[in-house]
Amino acid sequence: MLNKIDSLIKLIDDLKIQVILYQFGVPAIASHKVREYLGIANATHIVVPTNEPNKMYKVELSDCISYLEKNSKLTISYLNLPLKAALLDLGDELSQMKYLHKNATLEFLRHIRNGIAHGNKFNIQSLKRPASFNELTINTSLNNQKVMGDMHGEGFLSLSSAFQLIDAVKAEVIYFQNNAHNNKI
């Protein structure tokens, strides 16, 4: 059975893989040539299981594809959704474990998580601790700015920085696990 730290490390790995798979999947479906190659060029819908036994939910695929093709800027916003969800999930898990205040990187994640949860905008009343990661620093001057980019423009945290943040958080969790005698969880 996995302990809390091992479960958290597994969650981090799973979230990252799911986001990567999702991000490669959406552009592939939006491309007619890729749909032809996959043999689904004329697909009109997909079905997904529901919570009810033997029941399926029909999703109109053609409408989704058409919408993405007509709104190419939206693809960026759409592709950020699973990454935002992963950061929210990771932040929530770390919060429950009382980890978000352990150091500047985890404090940084806390502010990213809160900003995403509140309309993808920073709303920082005050900083109790330093919140930095790589060359990025969170401070009150970011109030009302976008956390991550969307179809209307860039955000504070780029896609690559978000993935690097997930990796850094995993490294911090492993560090705390290896030094558990000095760090109470």
N, C-alpha and C. Protein backbone atom coordinates (compact mmCIF):
# COMPACT_ATOMS: atom_id res chain seq x y z
N MET A 1 0.84 -1.19 0.00
CA MET A 1 0.00 0.00 0.00
C MET A 1 0.88 1.24 0.00
N LEU A 2 0.48 2.23 -0.79
CA LEU A 2 1.26 3.45 -0.91
C LEU A 2 1.02 4.36 0.29
N ASN A 3 2.10 4.98 0.77
CA ASN A 3 1.92 5.97 1.83
C ASN A 3 1.51 7.30 1.20
N LYS A 4 1.25 8.31 2.02
CA LYS A 4 0.76 9.59 1.50
C LYS A 4 1.72 10.22 0.50
N ILE A 5 3.00 10.19 0.79
CA ILE A 5 3.98 10.81 -0.10
C ILE A 5 4.06 10.06 -1.42
N ASP A 6 4.12 8.73 -1.36
CA ASP A 6 4.17 7.95 -2.59
C ASP A 6 2.92 8.16 -3.43
N SER A 7 1.77 8.25 -2.76
CA SER A 7 0.51 8.52 -3.47
C SER A 7 0.55 9.89 -4.15
N LEU A 8 1.12 10.87 -3.46
CA LEU A 8 1.23 12.20 -4.02
C LEU A 8 2.17 12.21 -5.24
N ILE A 9 3.28 11.51 -5.13
CA ILE A 9 4.22 11.42 -6.26
C ILE A 9 3.55 10.75 -7.45
N LYS A 10 2.79 9.69 -7.20
CA LYS A 10 2.07 9.00 -8.28
C LYS A 10 1.05 9.94 -8.90
N LEU A 11 0.33 10.71 -8.09
CA LEU A 11 -0.65 11.67 -8.60
C LEU A 11 0.03 12.68 -9.51
N ILE A 12 1.17 13.19 -9.09
CA ILE A 12 1.90 14.17 -9.91
C ILE A 12 2.27 13.57 -11.26
N ASP A 13 2.82 12.36 -11.26
CA ASP A 13 3.17 11.69 -12.51
C ASP A 13 1.95 11.45 -13.38
N ASP A 14 0.86 10.97 -12.78
CA ASP A 14 -0.37 10.69 -13.52
C ASP A 14 -0.95 11.96 -14.13
N LEU A 15 -0.99 13.04 -13.37
CA LEU A 15 -1.54 14.29 -13.87
C LEU A 15 -0.74 14.80 -15.07
N LYS A 16 0.57 14.73 -14.96
CA LYS A 16 1.41 15.21 -16.05
C LYS A 16 1.18 14.39 -17.31
N ILE A 17 1.13 13.09 -17.20
CA ILE A 17 0.91 12.21 -18.35
C ILE A 17 -0.46 12.49 -18.96
N GLN A 18 -1.48 12.63 -18.13
CA GLN A 18 -2.83 12.88 -18.65
C GLN A 18 -2.90 14.19 -19.41
N VAL A 19 -2.24 15.21 -18.90
CA VAL A 19 -2.26 16.50 -19.59
C VAL A 19 -1.55 16.40 -20.93
N ILE A 20 -0.40 15.74 -20.96
CA ILE A 20 0.34 15.59 -22.22
C ILE A 20 -0.49 14.82 -23.24
N LEU A 21 -1.09 13.71 -22.84
CA LEU A 21 -1.92 12.94 -23.76
C LEU A 21 -3.09 13.76 -24.26
N TYR A 22 -3.71 14.50 -23.37
CA TYR A 22 -4.84 15.33 -23.75
C TYR A 22 -4.41 16.39 -24.75
N GLN A 23 -3.29 17.02 -24.49
CA GLN A 23 -2.86 18.11 -25.36
C GLN A 23 -2.47 17.62 -26.74
N PHE A 24 -1.95 16.43 -26.86
CA PHE A 24 -1.64 15.90 -28.18
C PHE A 24 -2.90 15.41 -28.87
N GLY A 25 -3.89 14.98 -28.11
CA GLY A 25 -5.11 14.43 -28.68
C GLY A 25 -6.00 15.46 -29.33
N VAL A 26 -6.19 16.60 -28.73
CA VAL A 26 -7.10 17.61 -29.26
C VAL A 26 -6.64 18.14 -30.61
N PRO A 27 -5.36 18.53 -30.78
CA PRO A 27 -4.96 18.98 -32.11
C PRO A 27 -5.09 17.88 -33.16
N ALA A 28 -4.87 16.65 -32.77
CA ALA A 28 -4.99 15.55 -33.72
C ALA A 28 -6.42 15.42 -34.21
N ILE A 29 -7.38 15.51 -33.32
CA ILE A 29 -8.78 15.39 -33.70
C ILE A 29 -9.20 16.59 -34.54
N ALA A 30 -8.66 17.76 -34.25
CA ALA A 30 -9.03 18.96 -34.99
C ALA A 30 -8.47 18.96 -36.41
N SER A 31 -7.46 18.14 -36.70
CA SER A 31 -6.85 18.08 -38.02
C SER A 31 -7.55 17.03 -38.88
N HIS A 32 -8.11 17.48 -40.02
CA HIS A 32 -8.81 16.56 -40.91
C HIS A 32 -7.87 15.46 -41.43
N LYS A 33 -6.62 15.82 -41.75
CA LYS A 33 -5.67 14.82 -42.26
C LYS A 33 -5.40 13.74 -41.21
N VAL A 34 -5.28 14.14 -39.96
CA VAL A 34 -5.05 13.16 -38.90
C VAL A 34 -6.29 12.29 -38.73
N ARG A 35 -7.48 12.89 -38.78
CA ARG A 35 -8.71 12.09 -38.67
C ARG A 35 -8.81 11.08 -39.81
N GLU A 36 -8.40 11.50 -41.03
CA GLU A 36 -8.38 10.55 -42.15
C GLU A 36 -7.43 9.40 -41.87
N TYR A 37 -6.23 9.73 -41.41
CA TYR A 37 -5.22 8.71 -41.10
C TYR A 37 -5.74 7.73 -40.04
N LEU A 38 -6.46 8.24 -39.04
CA LEU A 38 -7.00 7.40 -37.97
C LEU A 38 -8.26 6.66 -38.40
N GLY A 39 -8.76 6.97 -39.58
CA GLY A 39 -9.97 6.31 -40.05
C GLY A 39 -11.25 6.86 -39.43
N ILE A 40 -11.19 8.08 -38.92
CA ILE A 40 -12.38 8.67 -38.30
C ILE A 40 -12.76 9.98 -38.96
N ALA A 41 -12.36 10.16 -40.21
CA ALA A 41 -12.60 11.43 -40.91
C ALA A 41 -14.08 11.76 -40.99
N ASN A 42 -14.93 10.75 -41.10
CA ASN A 42 -16.35 10.98 -41.24
C ASN A 42 -17.12 10.73 -39.95
N ALA A 43 -16.42 10.59 -38.86
CA ALA A 43 -17.08 10.34 -37.57
C ALA A 43 -17.94 11.53 -37.21
N THR A 44 -19.13 11.26 -36.74
CA THR A 44 -20.05 12.34 -36.36
C THR A 44 -20.18 12.47 -34.84
N HIS A 45 -19.81 11.42 -34.14
CA HIS A 45 -19.94 11.47 -32.68
C HIS A 45 -19.04 10.41 -32.03
N ILE A 46 -18.88 10.57 -30.76
CA ILE A 46 -18.24 9.55 -29.94
C ILE A 46 -19.17 9.25 -28.78
N VAL A 47 -19.04 8.09 -28.21
CA VAL A 47 -19.86 7.75 -27.05
C VAL A 47 -18.95 7.46 -25.88
N VAL A 48 -19.38 7.89 -24.72
CA VAL A 48 -18.61 7.67 -23.50
C VAL A 48 -19.53 7.06 -22.45
N PRO A 49 -18.98 6.19 -21.61
CA PRO A 49 -19.82 5.57 -20.58
C PRO A 49 -20.29 6.57 -19.54
N THR A 50 -21.44 6.29 -18.95
CA THR A 50 -21.98 7.11 -17.87
C THR A 50 -21.88 6.32 -16.57
N ASN A 51 -22.37 6.90 -15.49
CA ASN A 51 -22.39 6.19 -14.21
C ASN A 51 -23.46 5.10 -14.16
N GLU A 52 -24.41 5.17 -15.08
CA GLU A 52 -25.48 4.18 -15.11
C GLU A 52 -25.02 2.97 -15.93
N PRO A 53 -25.25 1.76 -15.44
CA PRO A 53 -24.83 0.56 -16.17
C PRO A 53 -25.47 0.51 -17.57
N ASN A 54 -24.67 0.14 -18.55
CA ASN A 54 -25.10 -0.03 -19.93
C ASN A 54 -25.65 1.23 -20.58
N LYS A 55 -25.35 2.38 -20.03
CA LYS A 55 -25.79 3.66 -20.62
C LYS A 55 -24.56 4.39 -21.16
N MET A 56 -24.74 5.01 -22.31
CA MET A 56 -23.66 5.77 -22.92
C MET A 56 -24.15 7.19 -23.20
N TYR A 57 -23.22 8.12 -23.20
CA TYR A 57 -23.52 9.51 -23.50
C TYR A 57 -22.93 9.82 -24.86
N LYS A 58 -23.73 10.38 -25.75
CA LYS A 58 -23.30 10.68 -27.11
C LYS A 58 -22.78 12.11 -27.18
N VAL A 59 -21.55 12.26 -27.65
CA VAL A 59 -20.93 13.57 -27.83
C VAL A 59 -20.81 13.82 -29.33
N GLU A 60 -21.39 14.93 -29.79
CA GLU A 60 -21.34 15.26 -31.21
C GLU A 60 -19.94 15.74 -31.56
N LEU A 61 -19.17 14.89 -32.18
CA LEU A 61 -17.79 15.19 -32.52
C LEU A 61 -17.69 16.23 -33.63
N SER A 62 -18.55 16.13 -34.59
CA SER A 62 -18.47 17.06 -35.73
C SER A 62 -18.65 18.51 -35.27
N ASP A 63 -19.55 18.74 -34.32
CA ASP A 63 -19.74 20.10 -33.81
C ASP A 63 -18.48 20.60 -33.11
N CYS A 64 -17.84 19.73 -32.35
CA CYS A 64 -16.62 20.11 -31.63
C CYS A 64 -15.49 20.44 -32.60
N ILE A 65 -15.34 19.60 -33.62
CA ILE A 65 -14.28 19.80 -34.61
C ILE A 65 -14.52 21.10 -35.37
N SER A 66 -15.72 21.30 -35.80
CA SER A 66 -16.07 22.52 -36.54
C SER A 66 -15.78 23.76 -35.69
N TYR A 67 -16.16 23.70 -34.43
CA TYR A 67 -15.93 24.82 -33.53
C TYR A 67 -14.44 25.12 -33.39
N LEU A 68 -13.62 24.07 -33.21
CA LEU A 68 -12.17 24.28 -33.09
C LEU A 68 -11.57 24.83 -34.37
N GLU A 69 -12.05 24.34 -35.51
CA GLU A 69 -11.52 24.82 -36.79
C GLU A 69 -11.86 26.28 -37.02
N LYS A 70 -13.03 26.71 -36.61
CA LYS A 70 -13.47 28.09 -36.81
C LYS A 70 -12.87 29.04 -35.77
N ASN A 71 -12.48 28.52 -34.64
CA ASN A 71 -11.97 29.34 -33.54
C ASN A 71 -10.57 28.88 -33.16
N SER A 72 -9.63 29.05 -34.07
CA SER A 72 -8.28 28.51 -33.84
C SER A 72 -7.62 29.09 -32.59
N LYS A 73 -7.91 30.33 -32.25
CA LYS A 73 -7.34 30.92 -31.03
C LYS A 73 -7.83 30.19 -29.79
N LEU A 74 -9.03 29.67 -29.86
CA LEU A 74 -9.61 28.97 -28.72
C LEU A 74 -8.84 27.70 -28.39
N THR A 75 -8.17 27.12 -29.39
CA THR A 75 -7.42 25.88 -29.16
C THR A 75 -6.41 26.05 -28.03
N ILE A 76 -5.75 27.20 -27.98
CA ILE A 76 -4.77 27.45 -26.90
C ILE A 76 -5.47 27.43 -25.55
N SER A 77 -6.58 28.14 -25.46
CA SER A 77 -7.33 28.17 -24.21
C SER A 77 -7.83 26.78 -23.85
N TYR A 78 -8.34 26.07 -24.86
CA TYR A 78 -8.88 24.72 -24.65
C TYR A 78 -7.79 23.76 -24.19
N LEU A 79 -6.61 23.89 -24.78
CA LEU A 79 -5.51 23.00 -24.41
C LEU A 79 -4.98 23.28 -23.01
N ASN A 80 -5.16 24.49 -22.52
CA ASN A 80 -4.72 24.82 -21.17
C ASN A 80 -5.64 24.27 -20.09
N LEU A 81 -6.88 23.93 -20.45
CA LEU A 81 -7.84 23.47 -19.45
C LEU A 81 -7.34 22.28 -18.64
N PRO A 82 -6.83 21.21 -19.26
CA PRO A 82 -6.38 20.09 -18.42
C PRO A 82 -5.17 20.44 -17.57
N LEU A 83 -4.32 21.33 -18.06
CA LEU A 83 -3.17 21.73 -17.25
C LEU A 83 -3.63 22.56 -16.06
N LYS A 84 -4.60 23.43 -16.27
CA LYS A 84 -5.17 24.19 -15.16
C LYS A 84 -5.80 23.23 -14.15
N ALA A 85 -6.53 22.24 -14.65
CA ALA A 85 -7.15 21.26 -13.76
C ALA A 85 -6.10 20.48 -12.98
N ALA A 86 -5.01 20.13 -13.64
CA ALA A 86 -3.93 19.39 -12.96
C ALA A 86 -3.31 20.25 -11.86
N LEU A 87 -3.07 21.52 -12.13
CA LEU A 87 -2.50 22.41 -11.12
C LEU A 87 -3.47 22.62 -9.95
N LEU A 88 -4.77 22.72 -10.26
CA LEU A 88 -5.77 22.82 -9.19
C LEU A 88 -5.77 21.56 -8.33
N ASP A 89 -5.79 20.41 -8.98
CA ASP A 89 -5.81 19.13 -8.26
C ASP A 89 -4.56 18.96 -7.40
N LEU A 90 -3.42 19.27 -7.98
CA LEU A 90 -2.16 19.17 -7.24
C LEU A 90 -2.14 20.14 -6.06
N GLY A 91 -2.56 21.37 -6.30
CA GLY A 91 -2.62 22.36 -5.22
C GLY A 91 -3.56 21.94 -4.10
N ASP A 92 -4.72 21.39 -4.48
CA ASP A 92 -5.68 20.93 -3.47
C ASP A 92 -5.08 19.80 -2.63
N GLU A 93 -4.43 18.85 -3.29
CA GLU A 93 -3.83 17.72 -2.57
C GLU A 93 -2.73 18.19 -1.62
N LEU A 94 -1.89 19.09 -2.09
CA LEU A 94 -0.82 19.62 -1.24
C LEU A 94 -1.39 20.43 -0.08
N SER A 95 -2.48 21.14 -0.33
CA SER A 95 -3.14 21.91 0.73
C SER A 95 -3.66 20.99 1.83
N GLN A 96 -4.29 19.91 1.42
CA GLN A 96 -4.81 18.95 2.40
C GLN A 96 -3.69 18.36 3.25
N MET A 97 -2.52 18.23 2.65
CA MET A 97 -1.38 17.67 3.38
C MET A 97 -0.59 18.74 4.13
N LYS A 98 -1.09 19.98 4.08
CA LYS A 98 -0.43 21.11 4.75
C LYS A 98 0.99 21.35 4.21
N TYR A 99 1.15 21.20 2.90
CA TYR A 99 2.46 21.35 2.25
C TYR A 99 2.66 22.71 1.59
N LEU A 100 1.59 23.43 1.31
CA LEU A 100 1.71 24.60 0.44
C LEU A 100 2.52 25.75 1.02
N HIS A 101 2.89 25.69 2.25
CA HIS A 101 3.66 26.79 2.84
C HIS A 101 5.09 26.37 3.18
N LYS A 102 5.52 25.22 2.68
CA LYS A 102 6.83 24.68 3.06
C LYS A 102 8.00 25.49 2.52
N ASN A 103 7.87 26.04 1.30
CA ASN A 103 8.97 26.82 0.74
C ASN A 103 8.43 27.72 -0.38
N ALA A 104 9.32 28.47 -1.02
CA ALA A 104 8.91 29.46 -2.02
C ALA A 104 8.25 28.82 -3.24
N THR A 105 8.71 27.64 -3.65
CA THR A 105 8.11 26.97 -4.82
C THR A 105 6.70 26.51 -4.52
N LEU A 106 6.50 25.93 -3.35
CA LEU A 106 5.16 25.46 -2.99
C LEU A 106 4.22 26.63 -2.72
N GLU A 107 4.74 27.70 -2.18
CA GLU A 107 3.94 28.92 -2.00
C GLU A 107 3.56 29.50 -3.37
N PHE A 108 4.48 29.42 -4.32
CA PHE A 108 4.22 29.84 -5.70
C PHE A 108 3.04 29.04 -6.27
N LEU A 109 3.09 27.71 -6.10
CA LEU A 109 2.01 26.86 -6.58
C LEU A 109 0.69 27.24 -5.91
N ARG A 110 0.73 27.58 -4.64
CA ARG A 110 -0.50 27.96 -3.93
C ARG A 110 -1.16 29.17 -4.60
N HIS A 111 -0.35 30.17 -4.95
CA HIS A 111 -0.90 31.36 -5.61
C HIS A 111 -1.38 31.05 -7.04
N ILE A 112 -0.67 30.18 -7.74
CA ILE A 112 -1.10 29.76 -9.08
C ILE A 112 -2.44 29.05 -8.96
N ARG A 113 -2.54 28.11 -8.03
CA ARG A 113 -3.77 27.35 -7.82
C ARG A 113 -4.93 28.29 -7.48
N ASN A 114 -4.70 29.22 -6.56
CA ASN A 114 -5.76 30.15 -6.16
C ASN A 114 -6.19 31.04 -7.32
N GLY A 115 -5.23 31.51 -8.10
CA GLY A 115 -5.57 32.35 -9.25
C GLY A 115 -6.39 31.60 -10.29
N ILE A 116 -6.01 30.37 -10.58
CA ILE A 116 -6.76 29.55 -11.53
C ILE A 116 -8.17 29.33 -11.00
N ALA A 117 -8.28 29.03 -9.72
CA ALA A 117 -9.59 28.75 -9.12
C ALA A 117 -10.50 29.97 -9.09
N HIS A 118 -9.92 31.15 -9.16
CA HIS A 118 -10.70 32.38 -9.09
C HIS A 118 -10.69 33.11 -10.43
N GLY A 119 -11.12 32.38 -11.46
CA GLY A 119 -11.28 33.01 -12.77
C GLY A 119 -10.01 33.20 -13.55
N ASN A 120 -8.96 32.46 -13.21
CA ASN A 120 -7.67 32.55 -13.91
C ASN A 120 -7.05 33.94 -13.76
N LYS A 121 -7.32 34.58 -12.63
CA LYS A 121 -6.72 35.90 -12.36
C LYS A 121 -6.17 35.93 -10.95
N PHE A 122 -5.05 36.63 -10.82
CA PHE A 122 -4.46 36.81 -9.49
C PHE A 122 -5.30 37.78 -8.67
N ASN A 123 -5.44 37.47 -7.39
CA ASN A 123 -6.09 38.35 -6.44
C ASN A 123 -5.34 38.20 -5.12
N ILE A 124 -4.22 38.88 -5.03
CA ILE A 124 -3.31 38.72 -3.90
C ILE A 124 -3.49 39.90 -2.95
N GLN A 125 -3.99 39.60 -1.76
CA GLN A 125 -4.18 40.66 -0.76
C GLN A 125 -2.84 41.05 -0.14
N SER A 126 -2.08 40.05 0.25
CA SER A 126 -0.75 40.29 0.81
C SER A 126 0.05 38.99 0.70
N LEU A 127 1.34 39.12 0.76
CA LEU A 127 2.21 37.95 0.72
C LEU A 127 2.74 37.68 2.12
N LYS A 128 2.47 36.48 2.59
CA LYS A 128 2.95 36.10 3.92
C LYS A 128 4.34 35.49 3.84
N ARG A 129 4.65 34.90 2.69
CA ARG A 129 5.94 34.26 2.46
C ARG A 129 6.38 34.53 1.03
N PRO A 130 7.66 34.40 0.74
CA PRO A 130 8.11 34.53 -0.66
C PRO A 130 7.45 33.45 -1.53
N ALA A 131 7.10 33.83 -2.75
CA ALA A 131 6.47 32.91 -3.69
C ALA A 131 7.20 33.04 -5.02
N SER A 132 8.17 32.15 -5.24
CA SER A 132 8.94 32.24 -6.48
C SER A 132 9.26 30.85 -6.99
N PHE A 133 9.53 30.82 -8.29
CA PHE A 133 9.87 29.58 -8.97
C PHE A 133 10.69 29.96 -10.20
N ASN A 134 11.85 29.33 -10.36
CA ASN A 134 12.77 29.69 -11.44
C ASN A 134 12.97 31.20 -11.41
N GLU A 135 12.71 31.87 -12.51
CA GLU A 135 12.89 33.33 -12.56
C GLU A 135 11.59 34.08 -12.30
N LEU A 136 10.54 33.37 -11.96
CA LEU A 136 9.22 33.99 -11.76
C LEU A 136 8.98 34.28 -10.28
N THR A 137 8.44 35.44 -10.01
CA THR A 137 8.10 35.83 -8.64
C THR A 137 6.67 36.36 -8.62
N ILE A 138 5.93 35.92 -7.65
CA ILE A 138 4.56 36.39 -7.49
C ILE A 138 4.55 37.49 -6.44
N ASN A 139 3.90 38.62 -6.81
CA ASN A 139 3.74 39.72 -5.87
C ASN A 139 2.42 40.42 -6.16
N THR A 140 2.07 41.40 -5.38
CA THR A 140 0.76 42.05 -5.50
C THR A 140 0.60 42.83 -6.80
N SER A 141 1.68 43.13 -7.51
CA SER A 141 1.56 43.84 -8.79
C SER A 141 0.88 42.96 -9.85
N LEU A 142 0.75 41.67 -9.59
CA LEU A 142 0.10 40.75 -10.54
C LEU A 142 -1.43 40.75 -10.41
N ASN A 143 -1.96 41.45 -9.42
CA ASN A 143 -3.42 41.45 -9.23
C ASN A 143 -4.15 41.76 -10.52
N ASN A 144 -5.20 40.99 -10.77
CA ASN A 144 -6.07 41.09 -11.94
C ASN A 144 -5.41 40.66 -13.24
N GLN A 145 -4.18 40.19 -13.20
CA GLN A 145 -3.55 39.65 -14.41
C GLN A 145 -3.89 38.18 -14.54
N LYS A 146 -3.87 37.68 -15.77
CA LYS A 146 -4.15 36.28 -16.03
C LYS A 146 -3.04 35.39 -15.51
N VAL A 147 -3.42 34.28 -14.93
CA VAL A 147 -2.43 33.31 -14.47
C VAL A 147 -1.84 32.58 -15.67
N MET A 148 -2.71 32.02 -16.52
CA MET A 148 -2.27 31.31 -17.71
C MET A 148 -2.93 31.92 -18.94
N GLY A 149 -2.28 31.78 -20.09
CA GLY A 149 -2.80 32.35 -21.32
C GLY A 149 -4.11 31.72 -21.75
N ASP A 150 -4.85 32.47 -22.57
CA ASP A 150 -6.09 31.97 -23.15
C ASP A 150 -6.23 32.58 -24.54
N MET A 151 -7.40 32.47 -25.12
CA MET A 151 -7.59 32.95 -26.49
C MET A 151 -7.46 34.47 -26.60
N HIS A 152 -7.46 35.16 -25.48
CA HIS A 152 -7.35 36.61 -25.51
C HIS A 152 -5.92 37.10 -25.27
N GLY A 153 -5.00 36.19 -25.03
CA GLY A 153 -3.62 36.61 -24.87
C GLY A 153 -2.84 35.77 -23.88
N GLU A 154 -1.63 36.20 -23.68
CA GLU A 154 -0.70 35.49 -22.81
C GLU A 154 -1.06 35.67 -21.35
N GLY A 155 -0.53 34.76 -20.54
CA GLY A 155 -0.69 34.85 -19.10
C GLY A 155 0.67 34.88 -18.43
N PHE A 156 0.66 34.92 -17.13
CA PHE A 156 1.89 34.97 -16.34
C PHE A 156 2.68 33.68 -16.47
N LEU A 157 2.01 32.53 -16.37
CA LEU A 157 2.67 31.23 -16.38
C LEU A 157 2.52 30.58 -17.75
N SER A 158 3.64 30.35 -18.43
CA SER A 158 3.59 29.72 -19.74
C SER A 158 3.35 28.22 -19.60
N LEU A 159 3.00 27.59 -20.69
CA LEU A 159 2.78 26.15 -20.72
C LEU A 159 4.02 25.40 -20.23
N SER A 160 5.19 25.77 -20.78
CA SER A 160 6.41 25.07 -20.39
C SER A 160 6.76 25.32 -18.92
N SER A 161 6.52 26.54 -18.43
CA SER A 161 6.79 26.83 -17.02
C SER A 161 5.85 26.04 -16.11
N ALA A 162 4.61 25.82 -16.56
CA ALA A 162 3.67 25.04 -15.76
C ALA A 162 4.17 23.60 -15.63
N PHE A 163 4.66 23.02 -16.72
CA PHE A 163 5.20 21.66 -16.64
C PHE A 163 6.45 21.63 -15.75
N GLN A 164 7.29 22.64 -15.87
CA GLN A 164 8.48 22.71 -15.02
C GLN A 164 8.09 22.84 -13.55
N LEU A 165 7.02 23.59 -13.29
CA LEU A 165 6.54 23.75 -11.91
C LEU A 165 6.08 22.40 -11.36
N ILE A 166 5.36 21.63 -12.15
CA ILE A 166 4.92 20.30 -11.71
C ILE A 166 6.13 19.43 -11.38
N ASP A 167 7.16 19.47 -12.24
CA ASP A 167 8.38 18.71 -11.97
C ASP A 167 9.07 19.19 -10.69
N ALA A 168 9.12 20.50 -10.49
CA ALA A 168 9.77 21.06 -9.30
C ALA A 168 9.01 20.68 -8.04
N VAL A 169 7.68 20.68 -8.10
CA VAL A 169 6.88 20.28 -6.95
C VAL A 169 7.15 18.82 -6.62
N LYS A 170 7.23 17.99 -7.63
CA LYS A 170 7.54 16.58 -7.39
C LYS A 170 8.91 16.45 -6.70
N ALA A 171 9.90 17.20 -7.17
CA ALA A 171 11.23 17.16 -6.56
C ALA A 171 11.17 17.60 -5.09
N GLU A 172 10.36 18.62 -4.81
CA GLU A 172 10.21 19.09 -3.42
C GLU A 172 9.58 18.01 -2.55
N VAL A 173 8.56 17.35 -3.07
CA VAL A 173 7.88 16.29 -2.31
C VAL A 173 8.86 15.14 -2.04
N ILE A 174 9.64 14.77 -3.04
CA ILE A 174 10.64 13.71 -2.85
C ILE A 174 11.67 14.15 -1.81
N TYR A 175 12.08 15.41 -1.87
CA TYR A 175 13.02 15.93 -0.88
C TYR A 175 12.45 15.81 0.53
N PHE A 176 11.19 16.23 0.70
CA PHE A 176 10.56 16.14 2.01
C PHE A 176 10.43 14.69 2.46
N GLN A 177 10.15 13.81 1.52
CA GLN A 177 10.07 12.38 1.87
C GLN A 177 11.42 11.86 2.35
N ASN A 178 12.48 12.23 1.66
CA ASN A 178 13.82 11.76 2.01
C ASN A 178 14.35 12.40 3.29
N ASN A 179 13.77 13.52 3.67
CA ASN A 179 14.20 14.22 4.88
C ASN A 179 13.06 14.32 5.89
N ALA A 180 12.24 13.29 5.93
CA ALA A 180 11.04 13.31 6.77
C ALA A 180 11.36 13.54 8.24
N HIS A 181 12.51 13.11 8.70
CA HIS A 181 12.86 13.31 10.11
C HIS A 181 13.04 14.79 10.44
N ASN A 182 13.34 15.64 9.43
CA ASN A 182 13.49 17.06 9.66
C ASN A 182 12.26 17.86 9.28
N ASN A 183 11.35 17.24 8.53
CA ASN A 183 10.16 17.94 8.02
C ASN A 183 8.91 17.18 8.43
N LYS A 184 8.15 17.74 9.29
CA LYS A 184 6.89 17.11 9.69
C LYS A 184 5.84 17.34 8.61
N ILE A 185 5.12 16.29 8.25
CA ILE A 185 4.10 16.38 7.22
C ILE A 185 2.78 16.72 7.84
